[in-house]
Amino acid sequence: MLIPVRCMTCGRPISGLWEKYIERMEKGEKPGKVLDDLGITNYCCRALFLTNKNILNKIAKFRV
């Protein structure tokens, strides 16, 4: 869904890096290199980026 504002484990702000991560991934870069370049070194933060799936566009079609 949406990336959390802060890492749930260590509390580091990570939401500001999400768009940069997605842009670079769409260009075909390897995830590990992108995370290293962005300075995301903690396992907990890396796990949030690697396991998050962007399904907002699919959910936005439905009205409440």
PDB file of N, CA and C in Angstrom:
ATOM      1  N   MET A   1       0.847  -1.186   0.000  1.00  0.00           N
ATOM      2  CA  MET A   1       0.000   0.000   0.000  1.00  0.00           C
ATOM      3  C   MET A   1       0.888   1.243   0.000  1.00  0.00           C
ATOM      4  N   LEU A   2       0.831   2.007   1.042  1.00  0.00           N
ATOM      5  CA  LEU A   2       1.655   3.201   1.141  1.00  0.00           C
ATOM      6  C   LEU A   2       2.825   2.934   2.063  1.00  0.00           C
ATOM      7  N   ILE A   3       3.953   3.518   1.750  1.00  0.00           N
ATOM      8  CA  ILE A   3       5.133   3.370   2.604  1.00  0.00           C
ATOM      9  C   ILE A   3       4.880   4.172   3.888  1.00  0.00           C
ATOM     10  N   PRO A   4       5.192   3.629   5.042  1.00  0.00           N
ATOM     11  CA  PRO A   4       4.991   4.390   6.284  1.00  0.00           C
ATOM     12  C   PRO A   4       5.931   5.599   6.353  1.00  0.00           C
ATOM     13  N   VAL A   5       5.540   6.598   7.104  1.00  0.00           N
ATOM     14  CA  VAL A   5       6.359   7.800   7.247  1.00  0.00           C
ATOM     15  C   VAL A   5       7.677   7.459   7.921  1.00  0.00           C
ATOM     16  N   ARG A   6       7.617   6.632   8.948  1.00  0.00           N
ATOM     17  CA  ARG A   6       8.810   6.216   9.683  1.00  0.00           C
ATOM     18  C   ARG A   6       8.890   4.693   9.705  1.00  0.00           C
ATOM     19  N   CYS A   7      10.097   4.202   9.835  1.00  0.00           N
ATOM     20  CA  CYS A   7      10.294   2.762   9.986  1.00  0.00           C
ATOM     21  C   CYS A   7       9.618   2.330  11.281  1.00  0.00           C
ATOM     22  N   MET A   8       8.889   1.242  11.215  1.00  0.00           N
ATOM     23  CA  MET A   8       8.144   0.783  12.392  1.00  0.00           C
ATOM     24  C   MET A   8       9.056   0.243  13.483  1.00  0.00           C
ATOM     25  N   THR A   9      10.276  -0.120  13.139  1.00  0.00           N
ATOM     26  CA  THR A   9      11.179  -0.710  14.121  1.00  0.00           C
ATOM     27  C   THR A   9      12.132   0.321  14.713  1.00  0.00           C
ATOM     28  N   CYS A  10      12.859   1.053  13.851  1.00  0.00           N
ATOM     29  CA  CYS A  10      13.885   1.967  14.365  1.00  0.00           C
ATOM     30  C   CYS A  10      13.435   3.425  14.413  1.00  0.00           C
ATOM     31  N   GLY A  11      12.348   3.783  13.736  1.00  0.00           N
ATOM     32  CA  GLY A  11      11.832   5.141  13.794  1.00  0.00           C
ATOM     33  C   GLY A  11      12.462   6.118  12.815  1.00  0.00           C
ATOM     34  N   ARG A  12      13.293   5.633  11.920  1.00  0.00           N
ATOM     35  CA  ARG A  12      13.940   6.515  10.947  1.00  0.00           C
ATOM     36  C   ARG A  12      12.922   6.984   9.900  1.00  0.00           C
ATOM     37  N   PRO A  13      12.900   8.279   9.558  1.00  0.00           N
ATOM     38  CA  PRO A  13      11.998   8.758   8.505  1.00  0.00           C
ATOM     39  C   PRO A  13      12.424   8.197   7.146  1.00  0.00           C
ATOM     40  N   ILE A  14      11.501   7.511   6.465  1.00  0.00           N
ATOM     41  CA  ILE A  14      11.855   6.871   5.199  1.00  0.00           C
ATOM     42  C   ILE A  14      10.911   7.217   4.057  1.00  0.00           C
ATOM     43  N   SER A  15       9.783   7.825   4.324  1.00  0.00           N
ATOM     44  CA  SER A  15       8.806   8.064   3.269  1.00  0.00           C
ATOM     45  C   SER A  15       9.321   9.025   2.202  1.00  0.00           C
ATOM     46  N   GLY A  16      10.218   9.903   2.556  1.00  0.00           N
ATOM     47  CA  GLY A  16      10.753  10.857   1.585  1.00  0.00           C
ATOM     48  C   GLY A  16      11.649  10.213   0.545  1.00  0.00           C
ATOM     49  N   LEU A  17      12.115   9.013   0.803  1.00  0.00           N
ATOM     50  CA  LEU A  17      12.999   8.310  -0.126  1.00  0.00           C
ATOM     51  C   LEU A  17      12.245   7.378  -1.063  1.00  0.00           C
ATOM     52  N   TRP A  18      10.963   7.174  -0.812  1.00  0.00           N
ATOM     53  CA  TRP A  18      10.180   6.203  -1.578  1.00  0.00           C
ATOM     54  C   TRP A  18      10.117   6.551  -3.061  1.00  0.00           C
ATOM     55  N   GLU A  19       9.837   7.803  -3.406  1.00  0.00           N
ATOM     56  CA  GLU A  19       9.715   8.186  -4.816  1.00  0.00           C
ATOM     57  C   GLU A  19      11.041   8.048  -5.552  1.00  0.00           C
ATOM     58  N   LYS A  20      12.132   8.410  -4.900  1.00  0.00           N
ATOM     59  CA  LYS A  20      13.451   8.249  -5.519  1.00  0.00           C
ATOM     60  C   LYS A  20      13.732   6.773  -5.768  1.00  0.00           C
ATOM     61  N   TYR A  21      13.360   5.934  -4.811  1.00  0.00           N
ATOM     62  CA  TYR A  21      13.562   4.498  -4.935  1.00  0.00           C
ATOM     63  C   TYR A  21      12.769   3.943  -6.122  1.00  0.00           C
ATOM     64  N   ILE A  22      11.505   4.311  -6.232  1.00  0.00           N
ATOM     65  CA  ILE A  22      10.650   3.828  -7.316  1.00  0.00           C
ATOM     66  C   ILE A  22      11.178   4.287  -8.671  1.00  0.00           C
ATOM     67  N   GLU A  23      11.576   5.561  -8.777  1.00  0.00           N
ATOM     68  CA  GLU A  23      12.105   6.079 -10.049  1.00  0.00           C
ATOM     69  C   GLU A  23      13.317   5.282 -10.510  1.00  0.00           C
ATOM     70  N   ARG A  24      14.218   5.010  -9.599  1.00  0.00           N
ATOM     71  CA  ARG A  24      15.434   4.286  -9.962  1.00  0.00           C
ATOM     72  C   ARG A  24      15.147   2.823 -10.266  1.00  0.00           C
ATOM     73  N   MET A  25      14.184   2.236  -9.585  1.00  0.00           N
ATOM     74  CA  MET A  25      13.818   0.850  -9.858  1.00  0.00           C
ATOM     75  C   MET A  25      13.180   0.716 -11.235  1.00  0.00           C
ATOM     76  N   GLU A  26      12.392   1.716 -11.636  1.00  0.00           N
ATOM     77  CA  GLU A  26      11.769   1.690 -12.957  1.00  0.00           C
ATOM     78  C   GLU A  26      12.802   1.812 -14.071  1.00  0.00           C
ATOM     79  N   LYS A  27      13.932   2.419 -13.766  1.00  0.00           N
ATOM     80  CA  LYS A  27      15.015   2.526 -14.749  1.00  0.00           C
ATOM     81  C   LYS A  27      15.782   1.223 -14.885  1.00  0.00           C
ATOM     82  N   GLY A  28      15.540   0.272 -13.990  1.00  0.00           N
ATOM     83  CA  GLY A  28      16.160  -1.040 -14.084  1.00  0.00           C
ATOM     84  C   GLY A  28      17.366  -1.258 -13.193  1.00  0.00           C
ATOM     85  N   GLU A  29      17.583  -0.386 -12.217  1.00  0.00           N
ATOM     86  CA  GLU A  29      18.712  -0.560 -11.302  1.00  0.00           C
ATOM     87  C   GLU A  29      18.404  -1.671 -10.296  1.00  0.00           C
ATOM     88  N   LYS A  30      19.437  -2.254  -9.744  1.00  0.00           N
ATOM     89  CA  LYS A  30      19.270  -3.315  -8.749  1.00  0.00           C
ATOM     90  C   LYS A  30      18.849  -2.716  -7.408  1.00  0.00           C
ATOM     91  N   PRO A  31      17.918  -3.384  -6.710  1.00  0.00           N
ATOM     92  CA  PRO A  31      17.395  -2.839  -5.449  1.00  0.00           C
ATOM     93  C   PRO A  31      18.465  -2.604  -4.387  1.00  0.00           C
ATOM     94  N   GLY A  32      19.398  -3.524  -4.244  1.00  0.00           N
ATOM     95  CA  GLY A  32      20.441  -3.372  -3.228  1.00  0.00           C
ATOM     96  C   GLY A  32      21.299  -2.147  -3.450  1.00  0.00           C
ATOM     97  N   LYS A  33      21.652  -1.884  -4.698  1.00  0.00           N
ATOM     98  CA  LYS A  33      22.478  -0.719  -5.020  1.00  0.00           C
ATOM     99  C   LYS A  33      21.709   0.576  -4.761  1.00  0.00           C
ATOM    100  N   VAL A  34      20.436   0.581  -5.127  1.00  0.00           N
ATOM    101  CA  VAL A  34      19.618   1.781  -4.912  1.00  0.00           C
ATOM    102  C   VAL A  34      19.504   2.084  -3.418  1.00  0.00           C
ATOM    103  N   LEU A  35      19.244   1.068  -2.619  1.00  0.00           N
ATOM    104  CA  LEU A  35      19.113   1.276  -1.175  1.00  0.00           C
ATOM    105  C   LEU A  35      20.433   1.738  -0.567  1.00  0.00           C
ATOM    106  N   ASP A  36      21.548   1.186  -1.029  1.00  0.00           N
ATOM    107  CA  ASP A  36      22.858   1.627  -0.542  1.00  0.00           C
ATOM    108  C   ASP A  36      23.104   3.084  -0.892  1.00  0.00           C
ATOM    109  N   ASP A  37      22.784   3.477  -2.124  1.00  0.00           N
ATOM    110  CA  ASP A  37      22.988   4.860  -2.561  1.00  0.00           C
ATOM    111  C   ASP A  37      22.114   5.847  -1.796  1.00  0.00           C
ATOM    112  N   LEU A  38      20.921   5.407  -1.422  1.00  0.00           N
ATOM    113  CA  LEU A  38      20.011   6.277  -0.661  1.00  0.00           C
ATOM    114  C   LEU A  38      20.362   6.326   0.823  1.00  0.00           C
ATOM    115  N   GLY A  39      21.298   5.491   1.257  1.00  0.00           N
ATOM    116  CA  GLY A  39      21.726   5.500   2.652  1.00  0.00           C
ATOM    117  C   GLY A  39      20.871   4.657   3.569  1.00  0.00           C
ATOM    118  N   ILE A  40      20.121   3.737   3.005  1.00  0.00           N
ATOM    119  CA  ILE A  40      19.271   2.870   3.807  1.00  0.00           C
ATOM    120  C   ILE A  40      20.067   1.608   4.106  1.00  0.00           C
ATOM    121  N   THR A  41      20.618   1.535   5.323  1.00  0.00           N
ATOM    122  CA  THR A  41      21.502   0.431   5.673  1.00  0.00           C
ATOM    123  C   THR A  41      20.912  -0.502   6.722  1.00  0.00           C
ATOM    124  N   ASN A  42      19.941  -0.040   7.488  1.00  0.00           N
ATOM    125  CA  ASN A  42      19.335  -0.904   8.514  1.00  0.00           C
ATOM    126  C   ASN A  42      18.473  -1.976   7.860  1.00  0.00           C
ATOM    127  N   TYR A  43      18.531  -3.183   8.415  1.00  0.00           N
ATOM    128  CA  TYR A  43      17.754  -4.289   7.868  1.00  0.00           C
ATOM    129  C   TYR A  43      16.258  -4.003   7.913  1.00  0.00           C
ATOM    130  N   CYS A  44      15.809  -3.371   8.976  1.00  0.00           N
ATOM    131  CA  CYS A  44      14.378  -3.114   9.125  1.00  0.00           C
ATOM    132  C   CYS A  44      13.875  -2.146   8.048  1.00  0.00           C
ATOM    133  N   CYS A  45      14.639  -1.112   7.766  1.00  0.00           N
ATOM    134  CA  CYS A  45      14.250  -0.138   6.750  1.00  0.00           C
ATOM    135  C   CYS A  45      14.313  -0.753   5.349  1.00  0.00           C
ATOM    136  N   ARG A  46      15.345  -1.541   5.100  1.00  0.00           N
ATOM    137  CA  ARG A  46      15.484  -2.199   3.802  1.00  0.00           C
ATOM    138  C   ARG A  46      14.320  -3.150   3.555  1.00  0.00           C
ATOM    139  N   ALA A  47      13.901  -3.847   4.609  1.00  0.00           N
ATOM    140  CA  ALA A  47      12.787  -4.787   4.477  1.00  0.00           C
ATOM    141  C   ALA A  47      11.497  -4.061   4.103  1.00  0.00           C
ATOM    142  N   LEU A  48      11.279  -2.866   4.652  1.00  0.00           N
ATOM    143  CA  LEU A  48      10.086  -2.100   4.301  1.00  0.00           C
ATOM    144  C   LEU A  48      10.073  -1.756   2.817  1.00  0.00           C
ATOM    145  N   PHE A  49      11.218  -1.349   2.287  1.00  0.00           N
ATOM    146  CA  PHE A  49      11.293  -0.988   0.879  1.00  0.00           C
ATOM    147  C   PHE A  49      11.147  -2.211  -0.023  1.00  0.00           C
ATOM    148  N   LEU A  50      11.810  -3.296   0.341  1.00  0.00           N
ATOM    149  CA  LEU A  50      11.814  -4.470  -0.526  1.00  0.00           C
ATOM    150  C   LEU A  50      10.502  -5.240  -0.501  1.00  0.00           C
ATOM    151  N   THR A  51       9.750  -5.160   0.580  1.00  0.00           N
ATOM    152  CA  THR A  51       8.515  -5.934   0.687  1.00  0.00           C
ATOM    153  C   THR A  51       7.264  -5.112   0.431  1.00  0.00           C
ATOM    154  N   ASN A  52       7.386  -3.811   0.247  1.00  0.00           N
ATOM    155  CA  ASN A  52       6.228  -2.971   0.009  1.00  0.00           C
ATOM    156  C   ASN A  52       5.801  -3.098  -1.453  1.00  0.00           C
ATOM    157  N   LYS A  53       4.528  -3.311  -1.669  1.00  0.00           N
ATOM    158  CA  LYS A  53       4.001  -3.419  -3.024  1.00  0.00           C
ATOM    159  C   LYS A  53       3.043  -2.262  -3.258  1.00  0.00           C
ATOM    160  N   ASN A  54       3.235  -1.554  -4.329  1.00  0.00           N
ATOM    161  CA  ASN A  54       2.438  -0.374  -4.625  1.00  0.00           C
ATOM    162  C   ASN A  54       1.138  -0.790  -5.314  1.00  0.00           C
ATOM    163  N   ILE A  55       0.047  -0.898  -4.540  1.00  0.00           N
ATOM    164  CA  ILE A  55      -1.242  -1.299  -5.092  1.00  0.00           C
ATOM    165  C   ILE A  55      -2.284  -0.189  -4.939  1.00  0.00           C
ATOM    166  N   LEU A  56      -1.836   1.030  -4.694  1.00  0.00           N
ATOM    167  CA  LEU A  56      -2.758   2.140  -4.486  1.00  0.00           C
ATOM    168  C   LEU A  56      -3.631   2.374  -5.715  1.00  0.00           C
ATOM    169  N   ASN A  57      -3.075   2.244  -6.911  1.00  0.00           N
ATOM    170  CA  ASN A  57      -3.864   2.475  -8.126  1.00  0.00           C
ATOM    171  C   ASN A  57      -4.998   1.468  -8.264  1.00  0.00           C
ATOM    172  N   LYS A  58      -4.783   0.235  -7.827  1.00  0.00           N
ATOM    173  CA  LYS A  58      -5.841  -0.775  -7.891  1.00  0.00           C
ATOM    174  C   LYS A  58      -6.928  -0.492  -6.874  1.00  0.00           C
ATOM    175  N   ILE A  59      -6.557  -0.030  -5.698  1.00  0.00           N
ATOM    176  CA  ILE A  59      -7.523   0.235  -4.638  1.00  0.00           C
ATOM    177  C   ILE A  59      -8.297   1.517  -4.899  1.00  0.00           C
ATOM    178  N   ALA A  60      -7.671   2.491  -5.546  1.00  0.00           N
ATOM    179  CA  ALA A  60      -8.296   3.801  -5.766  1.00  0.00           C
ATOM    180  C   ALA A  60      -9.521   3.708  -6.679  1.00  0.00           C
ATOM    181  N   LYS A  61      -9.689   2.618  -7.416  1.00  0.00           N
ATOM    182  CA  LYS A  61     -10.836   2.484  -8.304  1.00  0.00           C
ATOM    183  C   LYS A  61     -12.155   2.328  -7.538  1.00  0.00           C
ATOM    184  N   PHE A  62     -12.071   1.836  -6.317  1.00  0.00           N
ATOM    185  CA  PHE A  62     -13.273   1.547  -5.543  1.00  0.00           C
ATOM    186  C   PHE A  62     -13.652   2.716  -4.653  1.00  0.00           C
ATOM    187  N   ARG A  63     -14.903   2.985  -4.587  1.00  0.00           N
ATOM    188  CA  ARG A  63     -15.394   4.071  -3.738  1.00  0.00           C
ATOM    189  C   ARG A  63     -15.854   3.497  -2.411  1.00  0.00           C
ATOM    190  N   VAL A  64     -15.779   4.342  -1.396  1.00  0.00           N
ATOM    191  CA  VAL A  64     -16.194   3.913  -0.053  1.00  0.00           C
ATOM    192  C   VAL A  64     -17.666   4.085   0.125  1.00  0.00           C
TER     193      VAL A  64
END
